[in-house]
Amino acid sequence: MLYQKHLYIFFLILALSLSFFSTSKAKEFFIDQIKIQEKLENNFNKEKLINKGFMKAFEELMSKLVQSKNIAKIKNIRLNEIKSMIETFTIKEEKFINKTYNLNMGVSFNKKKVFEYLKRKNIFPTQIKEENFLLIPIFLDQENNDILVFSNNPIYDKWKLIDDKNYLIKYVLPTEDLEDLNLIRENYYDIENYDFKKIIEKYFLENSIVAIFFKNKDEIKVLSKINIKSEKIIKTTSFDDINFENKDEINKLISELKTVYEDFWKEKNLINTSIKLPISVQLDNKDYDLSLKFEDTLNKIDLVSSFSINSFNKDFIFYDLIFNGTTKNFINVMKEKNFNFDTQNKIWKIK
C-alpha cells in the first residue's frame, strides 16, 4: 500500500513536470554585445536607440544565418517585422560618457519565426556552426619567380587583422617553421598537386584550407584546397590586380576571400526547412540525467525545428521531434553528440 502511494506521488509529480514540456520547445537565437551610442541632445529618444539595437542585432543574426548572395533579399525589412521575431531583450549596460549615451544590449530571436520569415523570402538558412580551420596561405609571385610563406607574405601578415565576430570560421595560422618552409619550397613546381599532409597533421585540426595565391600582372588567382574532415574540395577564385603596397586593397582582398569561405561553409550546413522528418524516440524514464541531456542537445541543434514529449509510462518517456534533414543526417548529427540509436522499430531507442 505504501509502495502504491509513493508510486502515485511519483507519477503525479512527473505529470505536473511534463505539463511544462508537452508543447514544442521554444528555441532561440541570442545575439549578445550589441553596442550602440548616441549624443545626448534635446531630441534624444532612448526608444529609438533600442530600436537601432534591434536592427543591428537582426543584421548580425542574418550575417551568420544567410549566404552573402541572399543578404539583399532582407535589406528592406521593416522594424515591426523584426520586433515580431524577438522573444526578449536585455539591457546589459548603459553609460553616459562625454554627453554620449552608450548602450550594450542582448536580443533573443524566436528560431521558428526567423525560419518562417526566411522561408517566405525563399532563403534556406544555415546552421550557426562555428568551426576552427587551419589556414596555410602561400603567395607565389610569378613575375619574380618567388614563393612567400611566412616572412613578407602580405596575406599571412594581414589575415588575422581582418576579423568579424560574426564569422563562423575561426582561423588558425601555422607558426613559422623552417622545416615547413623548406618542404613547401621543395615542391614549388608542383605546388598545386602537393597535399600538405605533413604540415597539416601537426595541428590536430579536422578542417584546413591551403590557399595558394598566384600573382601575375593582370590578376590574382587563388587556388583553395579545402579539407573538411575526410572530404576534399578544390575552389578557384580570381581577383583584379591588387596593389600589395596598398593596405586597403589587401584588406579588401582578404575580406572578399573570407566571404567566399564563409559562403562555402554555410552551403555545407544549409537547413532545408522544406524537409520535415518526423522522428519518435523513447528514453528510460528512470534516467533523469539522460533525459535532460537529450533535451538540451535537441535545443542546441538548429536542424531540429521542434520537439515535445508525446507520452510516458512507468518505463519510458516518448519524444516526438521534427528534423529538417534526412534520417542519415540526424543519426550522424546525434552521433557527434554521443547519442546512438537502435532504429529497427518505428520508435527509436537510445542505446
Protein backbone atom coordinates (compact mmCIF):
# COMPACT_ATOMS: atom_id res chain seq x y z
CA MET A 1 0.00 0.00 0.00
CA LEU A 2 2.84 2.38 0.89
CA TYR A 3 4.60 1.44 -2.34
CA GLN A 4 1.47 2.25 -4.37
CA LYS A 5 1.16 5.62 -2.63
CA HIS A 6 4.77 6.52 -3.41
CA LEU A 7 4.27 5.38 -6.99
CA TYR A 8 1.17 7.55 -7.31
CA ILE A 9 3.02 10.59 -5.92
CA PHE A 10 5.91 9.95 -8.32
CA PHE A 11 3.65 9.89 -11.38
CA LEU A 12 1.69 12.90 -10.14
CA ILE A 13 4.89 14.95 -9.84
CA LEU A 14 6.09 13.64 -13.18
CA ALA A 15 2.80 14.52 -14.85
CA LEU A 16 2.95 18.05 -13.44
CA SER A 17 6.52 18.36 -14.65
CA LEU A 18 5.67 17.06 -18.10
CA SER A 19 2.88 19.59 -18.49
CA PHE A 20 5.63 22.17 -18.96
CA PHE A 21 7.24 20.07 -21.71
CA SER A 22 4.16 18.82 -23.52
CA THR A 23 4.37 21.51 -26.21
CA SER A 24 7.20 22.24 -28.60
CA LYS A 25 10.28 23.75 -27.02
CA ALA A 26 10.83 27.45 -27.65
CA LYS A 27 14.19 27.74 -29.39
CA GLU A 28 16.04 31.00 -29.62
CA PHE A 29 18.93 32.74 -31.33
CA PHE A 30 20.69 35.00 -28.84
CA ILE A 31 22.73 37.92 -30.19
CA ASP A 32 24.92 39.42 -27.49
CA GLN A 33 27.06 42.53 -27.09
CA ILE A 34 25.01 44.87 -29.30
CA LYS A 35 26.69 48.22 -28.68
CA ILE A 36 25.21 51.48 -29.87
CA GLN A 37 25.60 55.11 -28.87
CA GLU A 38 24.05 58.49 -29.45
CA LYS A 39 24.71 62.08 -28.47
CA LEU A 40 22.56 63.42 -25.62
CA GLU A 41 20.70 66.21 -27.36
CA ASN A 42 17.28 67.79 -26.93
CA ASN A 43 15.63 65.26 -29.21
CA PHE A 44 17.32 62.23 -27.59
CA ASN A 45 14.96 59.26 -27.57
CA LYS A 46 16.01 56.06 -25.78
CA GLU A 47 13.32 54.00 -27.51
CA LYS A 48 14.72 54.93 -30.92
CA LEU A 49 18.17 53.85 -29.76
CA ILE A 50 16.82 50.48 -28.60
CA ASN A 51 15.13 50.10 -31.99
CA LYS A 52 18.52 50.68 -33.62
CA GLY A 53 19.81 47.88 -31.40
CA PHE A 54 17.07 45.57 -32.68
CA MET A 55 18.05 46.39 -36.28
CA LYS A 56 21.73 45.81 -35.58
CA ALA A 57 21.04 42.52 -33.77
CA PHE A 58 18.94 41.32 -36.72
CA GLU A 59 21.69 42.25 -39.18
CA GLU A 60 24.24 40.31 -37.10
CA LEU A 61 21.96 37.29 -36.94
CA MET A 62 21.42 37.34 -40.70
CA SER A 63 25.16 37.63 -41.36
CA LYS A 64 25.53 34.29 -39.56
CA LEU A 65 22.44 32.56 -40.97
CA VAL A 66 22.40 33.69 -44.59
CA GLN A 67 24.83 33.41 -47.50
CA SER A 68 26.07 36.71 -48.91
CA LYS A 69 24.15 36.24 -52.17
CA ASN A 70 20.86 36.41 -50.22
CA ILE A 71 21.58 39.41 -47.99
CA ALA A 72 20.00 41.83 -50.50
CA LYS A 73 16.66 39.99 -50.15
CA ILE A 74 16.35 41.03 -46.50
CA LYS A 75 17.76 44.56 -46.64
CA ASN A 76 14.44 46.38 -46.57
CA ILE A 77 12.79 44.58 -43.66
CA ARG A 78 10.55 46.79 -41.50
CA LEU A 79 11.24 47.33 -37.81
CA ASN A 80 7.84 45.91 -36.83
CA GLU A 81 8.66 42.70 -38.67
CA ILE A 82 11.91 42.39 -36.74
CA LYS A 83 10.10 43.04 -33.46
CA SER A 84 7.62 40.25 -34.25
CA MET A 85 10.53 37.76 -34.20
CA ILE A 86 12.02 38.97 -30.90
CA GLU A 87 11.39 36.88 -27.80
CA THR A 88 13.17 39.05 -25.22
CA PHE A 89 15.88 41.66 -24.93
CA THR A 90 18.08 42.77 -22.07
CA ILE A 91 19.94 45.99 -21.40
CA LYS A 92 23.26 44.77 -20.08
CA GLU A 93 24.88 48.14 -19.50
CA GLU A 94 24.23 51.83 -20.09
CA LYS A 95 26.75 54.62 -19.64
CA PHE A 96 26.85 58.39 -20.06
CA ILE A 97 30.29 59.46 -21.29
CA ASN A 98 31.09 62.94 -22.62
CA LYS A 99 27.42 63.72 -23.25
CA THR A 100 27.05 60.45 -25.18
CA TYR A 101 24.68 57.67 -24.18
CA ASN A 102 26.24 54.20 -24.60
CA LEU A 103 24.03 51.13 -24.62
CA ASN A 104 25.02 47.45 -24.51
CA MET A 105 22.16 45.02 -25.07
CA GLY A 106 21.34 41.41 -25.93
CA VAL A 107 18.46 40.26 -28.12
CA SER A 108 16.79 36.82 -28.34
CA PHE A 109 15.01 35.86 -31.57
CA ASN A 110 12.46 33.07 -31.89
CA LYS A 111 14.04 30.48 -34.21
CA LYS A 112 10.76 29.24 -35.63
CA LYS A 113 9.65 32.75 -36.55
CA VAL A 114 13.05 33.57 -38.06
CA PHE A 115 12.98 30.41 -40.19
CA GLU A 116 9.41 31.17 -41.30
CA TYR A 117 10.50 34.67 -42.35
CA LEU A 118 13.43 33.30 -44.37
CA LYS A 119 11.18 30.68 -45.95
CA ARG A 120 8.87 33.46 -47.19
CA LYS A 121 11.93 35.04 -48.77
CA ASN A 122 12.91 31.72 -50.42
CA ILE A 123 16.10 31.56 -48.38
CA PHE A 124 17.45 28.40 -46.77
CA PRO A 125 19.26 29.35 -43.52
CA THR A 126 22.45 27.69 -42.37
CA GLN A 127 23.28 26.11 -39.07
CA ILE A 128 25.20 28.55 -36.88
CA LYS A 129 28.10 26.17 -36.58
CA GLU A 130 31.44 27.71 -35.64
CA GLU A 131 34.49 25.69 -36.61
CA ASN A 132 38.28 26.01 -36.43
CA PHE A 133 40.17 25.83 -39.73
CA LEU A 134 43.90 25.72 -40.23
CA LEU A 135 44.74 28.22 -42.96
CA ILE A 136 48.02 27.95 -44.86
CA PRO A 137 48.33 30.97 -47.20
CA ILE A 138 51.09 30.65 -49.81
CA PHE A 139 51.98 33.62 -52.00
CA LEU A 140 53.53 32.91 -55.41
CA ASP A 141 54.97 35.94 -57.17
CA GLN A 142 55.11 34.55 -60.70
CA GLU A 143 56.70 37.69 -62.13
CA ASN A 144 59.70 37.33 -59.83
CA ASN A 145 59.58 33.54 -59.57
CA ASP A 146 59.36 33.74 -55.76
CA ILE A 147 57.35 31.94 -53.09
CA LEU A 148 56.43 33.56 -49.76
CA VAL A 149 55.01 31.57 -46.85
CA PHE A 150 55.69 33.41 -43.61
CA SER A 151 58.01 36.42 -43.78
CA ASN A 152 56.96 39.14 -46.23
CA ASN A 153 53.80 37.23 -47.15
CA PRO A 154 51.16 40.02 -47.21
CA ILE A 155 48.31 37.54 -46.75
CA TYR A 156 49.90 35.78 -43.78
CA ASP A 157 50.71 39.13 -42.14
CA LYS A 158 47.23 40.64 -42.52
CA TRP A 159 44.84 37.67 -42.37
CA LYS A 160 44.17 37.73 -38.62
CA LEU A 161 43.80 41.52 -38.59
CA ILE A 162 40.64 41.31 -40.72
CA ASP A 163 38.19 39.78 -38.27
CA ASP A 164 34.47 39.82 -37.67
CA LYS A 165 32.74 38.33 -34.65
CA ASN A 166 30.03 37.03 -36.99
CA TYR A 167 32.38 34.79 -38.96
CA LEU A 168 31.57 31.13 -38.42
CA ILE A 169 35.07 30.03 -39.44
CA LYS A 170 37.76 30.70 -36.85
CA TYR A 171 41.20 30.65 -38.44
CA VAL A 172 44.38 29.13 -37.05
CA LEU A 173 47.52 30.16 -38.93
CA PRO A 174 50.64 27.97 -38.85
CA THR A 175 53.60 29.09 -36.82
CA GLU A 176 56.81 29.97 -38.63
CA ASP A 177 58.64 26.70 -39.13
CA LEU A 178 61.83 26.30 -41.16
CA GLU A 179 61.09 22.65 -41.89
CA ASP A 180 57.66 23.53 -43.28
CA LEU A 181 59.12 26.38 -45.32
CA ASN A 182 61.73 24.09 -46.88
CA LEU A 183 59.10 21.46 -47.59
CA ILE A 184 56.94 23.96 -49.45
CA ARG A 185 59.90 25.37 -51.38
CA GLU A 186 60.93 21.86 -52.43
CA ASN A 187 57.50 21.40 -54.00
CA TYR A 188 57.40 24.81 -55.68
CA TYR A 189 57.00 23.47 -59.22
CA ASP A 190 54.25 21.05 -58.25
CA ILE A 191 52.62 23.15 -55.53
CA GLU A 192 49.11 22.73 -56.98
CA ASN A 193 49.28 18.95 -56.53
CA TYR A 194 51.14 18.79 -53.22
CA ASP A 195 48.84 17.53 -50.40
CA PHE A 196 50.46 19.43 -47.45
CA LYS A 197 49.59 16.45 -45.21
CA LYS A 198 52.88 16.55 -43.30
CA ILE A 199 52.25 20.16 -42.31
CA ILE A 200 48.51 19.90 -41.64
CA GLU A 201 48.76 16.88 -39.32
CA LYS A 202 50.95 18.85 -36.89
CA TYR A 203 47.97 20.97 -35.84
CA PHE A 204 45.46 18.20 -35.00
CA LEU A 205 42.59 20.00 -36.72
CA GLU A 206 39.97 18.19 -38.82
CA ASN A 207 39.48 21.15 -41.16
CA SER A 208 42.02 23.06 -43.20
CA ILE A 209 42.39 25.42 -46.14
CA VAL A 210 45.55 25.72 -48.18
CA ALA A 211 45.17 28.97 -50.13
CA ILE A 212 47.72 29.42 -52.94
CA PHE A 213 47.85 32.97 -54.32
CA PHE A 214 49.18 33.20 -57.89
CA LYS A 215 50.18 36.78 -58.64
CA ASN A 216 50.76 37.95 -62.19
CA LYS A 217 50.48 41.31 -63.95
CA ASP A 218 46.73 41.34 -64.50
CA GLU A 219 45.07 39.36 -61.71
CA ILE A 220 45.35 37.32 -58.57
CA LYS A 221 44.19 33.72 -58.86
CA VAL A 222 43.55 31.85 -55.60
CA LEU A 223 43.55 28.07 -55.56
CA SER A 224 41.90 26.87 -52.34
CA LYS A 225 42.43 23.26 -51.28
CA ILE A 226 39.78 22.71 -48.63
CA ASN A 227 39.71 19.69 -46.32
CA ILE A 228 36.62 19.17 -44.16
CA LYS A 229 37.20 16.05 -42.13
CA SER A 230 37.72 13.42 -44.84
CA GLU A 231 36.22 15.45 -47.68
CA LYS A 232 38.49 17.31 -50.10
CA ILE A 233 37.31 20.21 -52.27
CA ILE A 234 39.13 22.44 -54.75
CA LYS A 235 37.93 26.01 -55.36
CA THR A 236 39.39 28.70 -57.60
CA THR A 237 38.72 32.40 -57.19
CA SER A 238 40.04 35.33 -59.21
CA PHE A 239 40.52 38.96 -58.28
CA ASP A 240 41.55 42.00 -60.29
CA ASP A 241 45.15 43.02 -59.95
CA ILE A 242 45.87 44.07 -56.35
CA ASN A 243 48.46 46.60 -55.29
CA PHE A 244 50.12 44.79 -52.41
CA GLU A 245 51.74 48.03 -51.31
CA ASN A 246 48.24 49.32 -50.52
CA LYS A 247 46.94 48.12 -47.15
CA ASP A 248 43.30 48.85 -48.02
CA GLU A 249 43.46 46.75 -51.19
CA ILE A 250 44.99 43.82 -49.29
CA ASN A 251 42.30 44.10 -46.61
CA LYS A 252 39.58 44.13 -49.26
CA LEU A 253 41.03 41.02 -50.90
CA ILE A 254 41.14 39.17 -47.56
CA SER A 255 37.58 40.24 -46.65
CA GLU A 256 36.23 39.06 -50.00
CA LEU A 257 38.04 35.74 -49.74
CA LYS A 258 36.78 35.20 -46.20
CA THR A 259 33.25 35.79 -47.52
CA VAL A 260 33.88 33.10 -50.17
CA TYR A 261 34.93 30.64 -47.43
CA GLU A 262 32.02 31.63 -45.18
CA ASP A 263 29.53 31.06 -48.01
CA PHE A 264 31.11 27.70 -48.78
CA TRP A 265 30.86 26.63 -45.11
CA LYS A 266 27.26 27.84 -44.93
CA GLU A 267 26.44 25.91 -48.11
CA LYS A 268 27.74 22.75 -46.44
CA ASN A 269 25.46 23.36 -43.44
CA LEU A 270 22.23 24.57 -45.04
CA ILE A 271 18.95 23.80 -43.30
CA ASN A 272 16.32 22.64 -45.77
CA THR A 273 13.24 23.84 -43.90
CA SER A 274 11.01 22.24 -46.55
CA ILE A 275 12.10 18.79 -45.27
CA LYS A 276 10.16 17.87 -42.14
CA LEU A 277 11.20 14.42 -40.96
CA PRO A 278 9.14 13.13 -38.00
CA ILE A 279 11.11 11.00 -35.53
CA SER A 280 9.91 9.25 -32.37
CA VAL A 281 12.36 8.33 -29.60
CA GLN A 282 11.92 6.54 -26.30
CA LEU A 283 14.07 7.02 -23.20
CA ASP A 284 14.21 5.20 -19.92
CA ASN A 285 12.23 7.44 -17.56
CA LYS A 286 14.43 6.41 -14.63
CA ASP A 287 17.46 8.04 -16.26
CA TYR A 288 16.65 11.66 -15.49
CA ASP A 289 20.13 12.93 -16.42
CA LEU A 290 19.92 11.31 -19.85
CA SER A 291 16.54 12.91 -20.47
CA LEU A 292 17.89 16.36 -19.56
CA LYS A 293 20.96 15.85 -21.74
CA PHE A 294 18.81 14.69 -24.66
CA GLU A 295 16.53 17.74 -24.44
CA ASP A 296 19.47 20.11 -24.07
CA THR A 297 21.11 18.57 -27.15
CA LEU A 298 17.94 18.89 -29.24
CA ASN A 299 17.63 22.54 -28.19
CA LYS A 300 21.13 23.26 -29.49
CA ILE A 301 20.68 21.61 -32.90
CA ASP A 302 19.29 24.08 -35.44
CA LEU A 303 18.17 21.22 -37.70
CA VAL A 304 15.67 20.18 -35.01
CA SER A 305 12.77 22.54 -35.65
CA SER A 306 10.67 21.31 -32.71
CA PHE A 307 10.29 18.52 -30.19
CA SER A 308 7.88 17.53 -27.45
CA ILE A 309 7.05 14.75 -25.03
CA ASN A 310 4.23 12.76 -26.55
CA SER A 311 3.54 10.46 -23.58
CA PHE A 312 5.12 8.44 -20.79
CA ASN A 313 4.52 5.32 -18.76
CA LYS A 314 6.23 3.67 -15.81
CA ASP A 315 9.14 2.59 -18.03
CA PHE A 316 9.65 5.13 -20.81
CA ILE A 317 9.30 8.74 -21.94
CA PHE A 318 8.29 9.10 -25.60
CA TYR A 319 9.55 12.09 -27.59
CA ASP A 320 8.31 13.34 -30.96
CA LEU A 321 10.53 15.66 -32.96
CA ILE A 322 10.72 17.27 -36.39
CA PHE A 323 14.09 17.25 -38.14
CA ASN A 324 14.96 19.36 -41.20
CA GLY A 325 17.04 16.74 -42.95
CA THR A 326 17.43 13.08 -43.78
CA THR A 327 17.41 10.14 -41.38
CA LYS A 328 21.12 9.55 -42.06
CA ASN A 329 21.87 13.19 -41.34
CA PHE A 330 20.03 13.05 -38.00
CA ILE A 331 21.89 9.88 -36.94
CA ASN A 332 25.25 11.46 -37.85
CA VAL A 333 24.49 14.76 -36.08
CA MET A 334 23.39 12.96 -32.91
CA LYS A 335 26.37 10.61 -33.06
CA GLU A 336 28.63 13.66 -32.86
CA LYS A 337 26.78 14.48 -29.61
CA ASN A 338 27.38 10.92 -28.29
CA PHE A 339 23.85 9.65 -28.93
CA ASN A 340 23.40 6.33 -30.76
CA PHE A 341 20.07 4.80 -31.72
CA ASP A 342 18.51 1.43 -32.32
CA THR A 343 16.39 2.24 -35.40
CA GLN A 344 14.91 -1.20 -36.12
CA ASN A 345 11.43 -0.23 -34.88
CA LYS A 346 9.19 2.73 -35.63
CA ILE A 347 10.02 4.24 -32.23
CA TRP A 348 13.77 4.52 -31.87
CA LYS A 349 15.65 3.61 -28.71
CA ILE A 350 18.76 5.27 -27.40
CA LYS A 351 21.48 2.65 -26.98
